[in-house]
Amino acid sequence: MIDLDALAARVRAAIPLTTHLDFRFTAFDGERLTLTAPLAPNHNDKGTFFAGSQAALLTLAGWACTTLMADSAVGEGEASVDVVAVESSLQFRAPLHGAIEIRAWADDGESGRFHQRLRRRGKASLAILARATDAQGVVVSEYQGLYLARNNTDNA
């Protein structure tokens, strides 16, 4: 069983900025991660969701999705998997006047190859897509990121 609250606590302990974002990982089905955050701690001078907060949350969602998928590939609890962001692009589509919901997932067909490479080579890259929406489901930003995962127990 995946403990999303434990993952969020791990993130907050390692990355102080994330404590201010007031995010929650709300779901992970083995392929897709959902993250939410309220407007109040993330607003800008216009009263909308700050672009910098969106960028941080989208990057975090991609990292968490990759981490959870890597853990499942090598056996959660059996390995120490390290994930880093390698590159990203982000497009803002519309202002966000309320809470954000982000869904992140691996690019089509990538998860199987990612699992195989990580198990076989001890490292693998994964392309992640993410969309941020408002409460009505309107897409407010779209993200693409490339993450690298490495199984640290292979190097121990």
Protein backbone atom coordinates (compact mmCIF):
# COMPACT_ATOMS: atom_id res chain seq x y z
CA MET A 1 0.00 0.00 0.00
CA ILE A 2 1.37 3.39 -0.99
CA ASP A 3 1.39 5.97 1.78
CA LEU A 4 0.97 9.31 -0.01
CA ASP A 5 0.99 11.23 3.28
CA ALA A 6 4.40 9.73 4.13
CA LEU A 7 5.72 10.76 0.72
CA ALA A 8 4.40 14.31 1.25
CA ALA A 9 6.05 14.44 4.69
CA ARG A 10 9.33 13.26 3.14
CA VAL A 11 9.11 16.02 0.53
CA ARG A 12 8.35 18.71 3.10
CA ALA A 13 11.28 17.59 5.28
CA ALA A 14 13.72 17.65 2.36
CA ILE A 15 12.49 20.75 0.48
CA PRO A 16 11.49 23.64 2.79
CA LEU A 17 9.76 25.61 0.00
CA THR A 18 7.11 22.89 -0.29
CA THR A 19 5.80 23.51 3.23
CA HIS A 20 4.50 26.90 2.06
CA LEU A 21 2.64 25.44 -0.95
CA ASP A 22 0.20 23.50 1.29
CA PHE A 23 -0.06 20.67 -1.27
CA ARG A 24 -1.56 17.19 -0.86
CA PHE A 25 -1.02 14.04 -2.88
CA THR A 26 -4.60 12.79 -3.15
CA ALA A 27 -4.39 9.72 -5.40
CA PHE A 28 -2.03 7.38 -7.22
CA ASP A 29 -3.32 4.43 -9.24
CA GLY A 30 0.05 3.03 -10.28
CA GLU A 31 0.19 5.20 -13.40
CA ARG A 32 -1.33 8.61 -12.53
CA LEU A 33 -0.74 10.88 -9.58
CA THR A 34 -3.12 13.61 -8.41
CA LEU A 35 -1.95 16.58 -6.35
CA THR A 36 -4.03 19.47 -5.00
CA ALA A 37 -3.21 22.82 -3.39
CA PRO A 38 -5.33 25.77 -2.23
CA LEU A 39 -5.13 29.30 -3.58
CA ALA A 40 -4.59 31.11 -0.24
CA PRO A 41 -0.85 30.37 0.28
CA ASN A 42 -0.15 30.46 -3.47
CA HIS A 43 -1.77 33.69 -4.66
CA ASN A 44 -0.04 36.56 -6.44
CA ASP A 45 -0.67 40.31 -6.46
CA LYS A 46 -3.65 39.82 -8.80
CA GLY A 47 -5.37 37.34 -6.48
CA THR A 48 -4.78 34.44 -8.88
CA PHE A 49 -2.60 31.35 -8.45
CA PHE A 50 1.06 32.41 -8.67
CA ALA A 51 2.85 31.04 -11.76
CA GLY A 52 5.89 30.16 -9.63
CA SER A 53 3.74 28.03 -7.33
CA GLN A 54 2.24 26.29 -10.35
CA ALA A 55 5.71 25.58 -11.72
CA ALA A 56 6.90 24.19 -8.38
CA LEU A 57 3.78 22.02 -7.94
CA LEU A 58 3.88 20.66 -11.50
CA THR A 59 7.58 19.81 -11.10
CA LEU A 60 6.82 18.18 -7.76
CA ALA A 61 3.94 16.16 -9.24
CA GLY A 62 6.26 14.87 -11.98
CA TRP A 63 8.93 13.99 -9.45
CA ALA A 64 6.46 12.21 -7.17
CA CYS A 65 4.87 10.27 -10.05
CA THR A 66 8.31 9.15 -11.23
CA THR A 67 9.35 8.24 -7.67
CA LEU A 68 6.25 6.14 -7.09
CA MET A 69 6.63 4.37 -10.43
CA ALA A 70 10.33 3.74 -9.73
CA ASP A 71 9.53 2.34 -6.29
CA SER A 72 7.04 -0.07 -7.86
CA ALA A 73 9.59 -1.17 -10.48
CA VAL A 74 12.29 -2.09 -7.98
CA GLY A 75 10.06 -3.16 -5.09
CA GLU A 76 8.86 -0.53 -2.64
CA GLY A 77 10.74 -0.68 0.63
CA GLU A 78 13.48 -2.87 -0.86
CA ALA A 79 15.39 -0.17 -2.66
CA SER A 80 16.47 3.39 -2.37
CA VAL A 81 15.48 5.15 -5.60
CA ASP A 82 16.75 8.65 -6.28
CA VAL A 83 14.83 10.80 -8.79
CA VAL A 84 15.91 14.12 -10.29
CA ALA A 85 14.31 16.46 -12.81
CA VAL A 86 16.41 16.76 -15.96
CA GLU A 87 14.39 19.15 -18.14
CA SER A 88 10.94 20.67 -18.36
CA SER A 89 8.64 22.96 -20.28
CA LEU A 90 5.53 24.69 -19.04
CA GLN A 91 2.74 26.59 -20.74
CA PHE A 92 0.25 28.73 -18.87
CA ARG A 93 -3.19 28.62 -20.53
CA ALA A 94 -5.51 30.61 -18.25
CA PRO A 95 -5.51 32.43 -14.90
CA LEU A 96 -6.46 30.29 -11.93
CA HIS A 97 -8.84 31.90 -9.41
CA GLY A 98 -9.08 29.00 -6.94
CA ALA A 99 -7.51 25.74 -5.85
CA ILE A 100 -5.38 23.75 -8.27
CA GLU A 101 -5.64 20.08 -9.18
CA ILE A 102 -2.73 18.51 -11.01
CA ARG A 103 -2.70 15.13 -12.69
CA ALA A 104 0.68 13.71 -13.74
CA TRP A 105 1.34 10.57 -15.78
CA ALA A 106 4.01 8.93 -17.92
CA ASP A 107 4.01 9.69 -21.63
CA ASP A 108 2.24 6.98 -23.69
CA GLY A 109 4.06 3.66 -23.69
CA GLU A 110 6.87 4.90 -21.46
CA SER A 111 6.05 3.20 -18.16
CA GLY A 112 6.78 -0.36 -19.32
CA ARG A 113 10.13 0.61 -20.84
CA PHE A 114 10.95 2.69 -17.76
CA HIS A 115 10.33 -0.26 -15.41
CA GLN A 116 12.42 -2.62 -17.56
CA ARG A 117 15.38 -0.24 -17.88
CA LEU A 118 15.36 0.62 -14.18
CA ARG A 119 15.35 -3.06 -13.16
CA ARG A 120 17.95 -4.05 -15.76
CA ARG A 121 20.35 -1.08 -15.74
CA GLY A 122 19.66 0.47 -12.34
CA LYS A 123 18.75 3.80 -13.94
CA ALA A 124 16.18 5.06 -16.41
CA SER A 125 14.58 8.24 -17.65
CA LEU A 126 10.85 8.88 -17.78
CA ALA A 127 8.90 11.53 -19.69
CA ILE A 128 6.06 12.91 -17.58
CA LEU A 129 3.06 14.95 -18.71
CA ALA A 130 0.97 16.96 -16.27
CA ARG A 131 -2.10 19.16 -16.47
CA ALA A 132 -3.29 21.66 -13.91
CA THR A 133 -7.01 22.41 -13.83
CA ASP A 134 -9.43 24.56 -11.89
CA ALA A 135 -12.53 23.30 -10.05
CA GLN A 136 -14.53 23.21 -13.31
CA GLY A 137 -11.88 21.13 -15.09
CA VAL A 138 -10.55 23.99 -17.23
CA VAL A 139 -6.87 23.43 -18.09
CA VAL A 140 -4.85 26.32 -16.68
CA SER A 141 -1.34 24.99 -17.37
CA GLU A 142 0.37 22.09 -19.11
CA TYR A 143 3.76 20.64 -18.25
CA GLN A 144 6.23 18.23 -19.78
CA GLY A 145 9.19 17.00 -17.81
CA LEU A 146 11.98 14.47 -18.10
CA TYR A 147 13.10 12.74 -14.90
CA LEU A 148 15.98 10.39 -14.20
CA ALA A 149 15.62 7.62 -11.64
CA ARG A 150 18.53 5.68 -10.19
CA ASN A 151 18.38 2.63 -7.96
CA ASN A 152 20.91 3.47 -5.24
CA THR A 153 20.98 -0.06 -3.82
CA ASP A 154 22.73 -1.20 -7.02
CA ASN A 155 25.65 1.06 -6.09
CA ALA A 156 25.83 0.15 -2.41
